[in-house]
Structures are given as structure tokens and as C-alpha cells.
C-alpha atoms as a PDB file:
ATOM      1  CA  UNK A   1      76.768  60.201 231.206  1.00  0.00           C
ATOM      2  CA  UNK A   2      76.910  63.908 232.152  1.00  0.00           C
ATOM      3  CA  UNK A   3      74.547  65.001 229.307  1.00  0.00           C
ATOM      4  CA  UNK A   4      71.534  64.379 231.893  1.00  0.00           C
ATOM      5  CA  UNK A   5      72.922  66.699 234.322  1.00  0.00           C
ATOM      6  CA  UNK A   6      73.279  69.378 231.391  1.00  0.00           C
ATOM      7  CA  UNK A   7      70.115  69.092 230.226  1.00  0.00           C
ATOM      8  CA  UNK A   8      68.740  69.188 233.698  1.00  0.00           C
ATOM      9  CA  UNK A   9      70.232  72.567 234.109  1.00  0.00           C
ATOM     10  CA  UNK A  10      68.845  73.538 230.319  1.00  0.00           C
ATOM     11  CA  UNK A  11      65.221  72.578 231.591  1.00  0.00           C
ATOM     12  CA  UNK A  12      65.514  74.469 234.733  1.00  0.00           C
ATOM     13  CA  UNK A  13      66.631  77.697 233.039  1.00  0.00           C
ATOM     14  CA  UNK A  14      64.067  77.138 230.415  1.00  0.00           C
ATOM     15  CA  UNK A  15      61.414  76.287 232.768  1.00  0.00           C
ATOM     16  CA  UNK A  16      62.337  79.488 234.915  1.00  0.00           C
ATOM     17  CA  UNK A  17      62.202  81.759 232.151  1.00  0.00           C
ATOM     18  CA  UNK A  18      59.052  80.563 230.471  1.00  0.00           C
ATOM     19  CA  UNK A  19      57.286  80.817 233.973  1.00  0.00           C
ATOM     20  CA  UNK A  20      58.874  84.305 234.475  1.00  0.00           C
ATOM     21  CA  UNK A  21      57.071  85.401 230.925  1.00  0.00           C
ATOM     22  CA  UNK A  22      53.834  83.753 231.866  1.00  0.00           C
ATOM     23  CA  UNK A  23      53.873  81.313 229.317  1.00  0.00           C
ATOM     24  CA  UNK A  24      51.649  78.143 229.098  1.00  0.00           C
ATOM     25  CA  UNK A  25      54.167  75.799 227.350  1.00  0.00           C
ATOM     26  CA  UNK A  26      57.698  75.488 225.781  1.00  0.00           C
ATOM     27  CA  UNK A  27      56.980  74.844 222.133  1.00  0.00           C
ATOM     28  CA  UNK A  28      60.994  74.850 221.198  1.00  0.00           C
ATOM     29  CA  UNK A  29      64.341  74.888 222.712  1.00  0.00           C
ATOM     30  CA  UNK A  30      67.223  75.783 220.512  1.00  0.00           C
ATOM     31  CA  UNK A  31      70.783  74.818 221.818  1.00  0.00           C
ATOM     32  CA  UNK A  32      74.014  75.757 220.479  1.00  0.00           C
ATOM     33  CA  UNK A  33      77.030  73.341 221.530  1.00  0.00           C
ATOM     34  CA  UNK A  34      80.853  73.097 220.604  1.00  0.00           C
ATOM     35  CA  UNK A  35      82.099  69.937 219.534  1.00  0.00           C
ATOM     36  CA  UNK A  36      85.100  70.459 222.164  1.00  0.00           C
ATOM     37  CA  UNK A  37      82.337  70.102 225.032  1.00  0.00           C
ATOM     38  CA  UNK A  38      82.631  66.427 224.268  1.00  0.00           C
ATOM     39  CA  UNK A  39      78.577  66.030 224.488  1.00  0.00           C
ATOM     40  CA  UNK A  40      76.864  63.755 222.349  1.00  0.00           C
ATOM     41  CA  UNK A  41      73.674  65.470 220.879  1.00  0.00           C
ATOM     42  CA  UNK A  42      71.813  61.887 220.700  1.00  0.00           C
ATOM     43  CA  UNK A  43      72.687  61.640 224.576  1.00  0.00           C
ATOM     44  CA  UNK A  44      71.295  65.039 225.090  1.00  0.00           C
ATOM     45  CA  UNK A  45      68.133  64.171 222.769  1.00  0.00           C
ATOM     46  CA  UNK A  46      67.641  60.980 225.212  1.00  0.00           C
ATOM     47  CA  UNK A  47      68.184  63.061 228.227  1.00  0.00           C
ATOM     48  CA  UNK A  48      65.364  65.835 227.195  1.00  0.00           C
ATOM     49  CA  UNK A  49      62.925  62.971 226.274  1.00  0.00           C
ATOM     50  CA  UNK A  50      63.265  61.507 229.817  1.00  0.00           C
ATOM     51  CA  UNK A  51      63.824  64.829 231.998  1.00  0.00           C
ATOM     52  CA  UNK A  52      60.959  66.991 230.036  1.00  0.00           C
ATOM     53  CA  UNK A  53      57.505  65.101 231.357  1.00  0.00           C
ATOM     54  CA  UNK A  54      55.725  67.078 233.732  1.00  0.00           C
ATOM     55  CA  UNK A  55      57.568  70.239 232.749  1.00  0.00           C
ATOM     56  CA  UNK A  56      56.583  73.098 230.426  1.00  0.00           C
ATOM     57  CA  UNK A  57      58.840  71.494 227.936  1.00  0.00           C
ATOM     58  CA  UNK A  58      56.834  68.220 227.856  1.00  0.00           C
ATOM     59  CA  UNK A  59      55.997  68.552 224.166  1.00  0.00           C
ATOM     60  CA  UNK A  60      58.673  70.735 222.910  1.00  0.00           C
ATOM     61  CA  UNK A  61      61.076  70.132 220.065  1.00  0.00           C
ATOM     62  CA  UNK A  62      64.584  70.261 220.940  1.00  0.00           C
ATOM     63  CA  UNK A  63      66.822  71.710 218.409  1.00  0.00           C
ATOM     64  CA  UNK A  64      70.936  71.442 218.747  1.00  0.00           C
ATOM     65  CA  UNK A  65      73.300  73.151 216.624  1.00  0.00           C
ATOM     66  CA  UNK A  66      76.790  71.640 216.985  1.00  0.00           C
ATOM     67  CA  UNK A  67      79.663  74.234 216.506  1.00  0.00           C
ATOM     68  CA  UNK A  68      82.943  72.644 214.789  1.00  0.00           C
ATOM     69  CA  UNK A  69      86.197  73.592 216.552  1.00  0.00           C
ATOM     70  CA  UNK A  70      88.091  76.495 214.999  1.00  0.00           C
ATOM     71  CA  UNK A  71      91.718  77.726 216.171  1.00  0.00           C
ATOM     72  CA  UNK A  72      94.229  80.137 215.084  1.00  0.00           C
ATOM     73  CA  UNK A  73      97.824  79.270 214.844  1.00  0.00           C
ATOM     74  CA  UNK A  74      99.928  81.773 216.954  1.00  0.00           C
ATOM     75  CA  UNK A  75     103.112  81.285 214.502  1.00  0.00           C
ATOM     76  CA  UNK A  76     101.622  81.861 210.872  1.00  0.00           C
ATOM     77  CA  UNK A  77      97.974  83.422 211.931  1.00  0.00           C
ATOM     78  CA  UNK A  78      96.151  80.829 209.926  1.00  0.00           C
ATOM     79  CA  UNK A  79      92.636  79.876 211.161  1.00  0.00           C
ATOM     80  CA  UNK A  80      91.417  76.358 210.393  1.00  0.00           C
ATOM     81  CA  UNK A  81      88.674  73.733 211.660  1.00  0.00           C
ATOM     82  CA  UNK A  82      89.880  70.532 213.371  1.00  0.00           C
ATOM     83  CA  UNK A  83      88.716  67.899 215.347  1.00  0.00           C
ATOM     84  CA  UNK A  84      88.821  67.342 219.117  1.00  0.00           C
ATOM     85  CA  UNK A  85      92.317  65.652 218.859  1.00  0.00           C
ATOM     86  CA  UNK A  86      94.208  67.317 216.307  1.00  0.00           C
ATOM     87  CA  UNK A  87      94.776  70.860 216.986  1.00  0.00           C
ATOM     88  CA  UNK A  88      98.198  71.508 215.124  1.00  0.00           C
ATOM     89  CA  UNK A  89      98.220  74.024 212.623  1.00  0.00           C
ATOM     90  CA  UNK A  90      97.827  72.223 209.061  1.00  0.00           C
ATOM     91  CA  UNK A  91      99.680  75.408 207.537  1.00  0.00           C
ATOM     92  CA  UNK A  92     103.064  75.274 209.577  1.00  0.00           C
ATOM     93  CA  UNK A  93     102.498  72.028 211.995  1.00  0.00           C
ATOM     94  CA  UNK A  94     102.805  74.187 215.039  1.00  0.00           C
ATOM     95  CA  UNK A  95     101.189  73.140 218.387  1.00  0.00           C
ATOM     96  CA  UNK A  96     101.141  76.644 219.351  1.00  0.00           C
ATOM     97  CA  UNK A  97      97.474  77.385 218.582  1.00  0.00           C
ATOM     98  CA  UNK A  98      94.363  79.311 220.129  1.00  0.00           C
ATOM     99  CA  UNK A  99      90.818  77.942 220.309  1.00  0.00           C
ATOM    100  CA  UNK A 100      88.597  80.434 218.704  1.00  0.00           C
ATOM    101  CA  UNK A 101      85.193  78.277 218.638  1.00  0.00           C
ATOM    102  CA  UNK A 102      84.242  74.871 219.876  1.00  0.00           C
ATOM    103  CA  UNK A 103      83.576  75.133 223.593  1.00  0.00           C
ATOM    104  CA  UNK A 104      80.384  77.087 223.233  1.00  0.00           C
ATOM    105  CA  UNK A 105      77.192  75.585 225.262  1.00  0.00           C
ATOM    106  CA  UNK A 106      74.146  78.130 225.623  1.00  0.00           C
ATOM    107  CA  UNK A 107      70.484  78.188 225.104  1.00  0.00           C
ATOM    108  CA  UNK A 108      70.102  80.223 221.828  1.00  0.00           C
ATOM    109  CA  UNK A 109      66.103  80.422 222.107  1.00  0.00           C
ATOM    110  CA  UNK A 110      63.298  79.434 223.433  1.00  0.00           C
ATOM    111  CA  UNK A 111      59.859  79.505 221.882  1.00  0.00           C
ATOM    112  CA  UNK A 112      56.812  79.427 224.110  1.00  0.00           C
ATOM    113  CA  UNK A 113      53.011  79.588 223.767  1.00  0.00           C
ATOM    114  CA  UNK A 114      51.386  82.547 225.789  1.00  0.00           C
ATOM    115  CA  UNK A 115      47.899  82.750 226.951  1.00  0.00           C
ATOM    116  CA  UNK A 116      45.490  84.643 223.991  1.00  0.00           C
END
């Protein structure tokens, strides 16, 4: 399950940023993930629970926002949302489409507790 590798990378980056800021602990991590990334949010939650002990993120809340896939048809210029498997234009049935959203994956924000 590749979610463990992804979550380890997230935690490494969060830990580095929090330490550089002088934070005592991380209280929230907000992720944005596109549906086309084929990442299972429940698996990310599981990986977070398994990997966060003994880190600054140990008691943090993990929030994941999933972004729907959206494409534009190159033939009729229609923009539409779709699932991972069907990307043909619902307006003209063309397969010539450009993915506009759904491949994102980034740390949107972290909240930390700072020393007084």
C-alpha cells in the first residue's frame, strides 16, 4: 500500500517545518489529494496513526480534502467532472480531453503549538 510511503513523506516534511519554526507540537495537518492520485483516504488515516507516534505530529488531527477530477474537452471546450475511469466528454463523447484537476497532492496547512 503506497499510502505508507506517501504519509511518511508528509510527516517528514511536516516535522522539518515544525522544528524549523520552533514548534512544540503539531496540532493539525491538512492535506489536499486529487481523486486521480488513487490514494485511499482511510489508508492515509491508518498510515498516519501507525507512523505519527514519537513525532511532533503524534496527537495531531489529520484532515484530508479530496479533489474531484475535472477535465476540458478539446473538441467542444466543455468542462466537466468525472470519475477515474470515464474521461470522455459528456457533451460530445470526444476522448480528446485535458485533465484540469484531480492529480493534486500537497500539504495545504499545518497548525502548531508554539512556546509561550
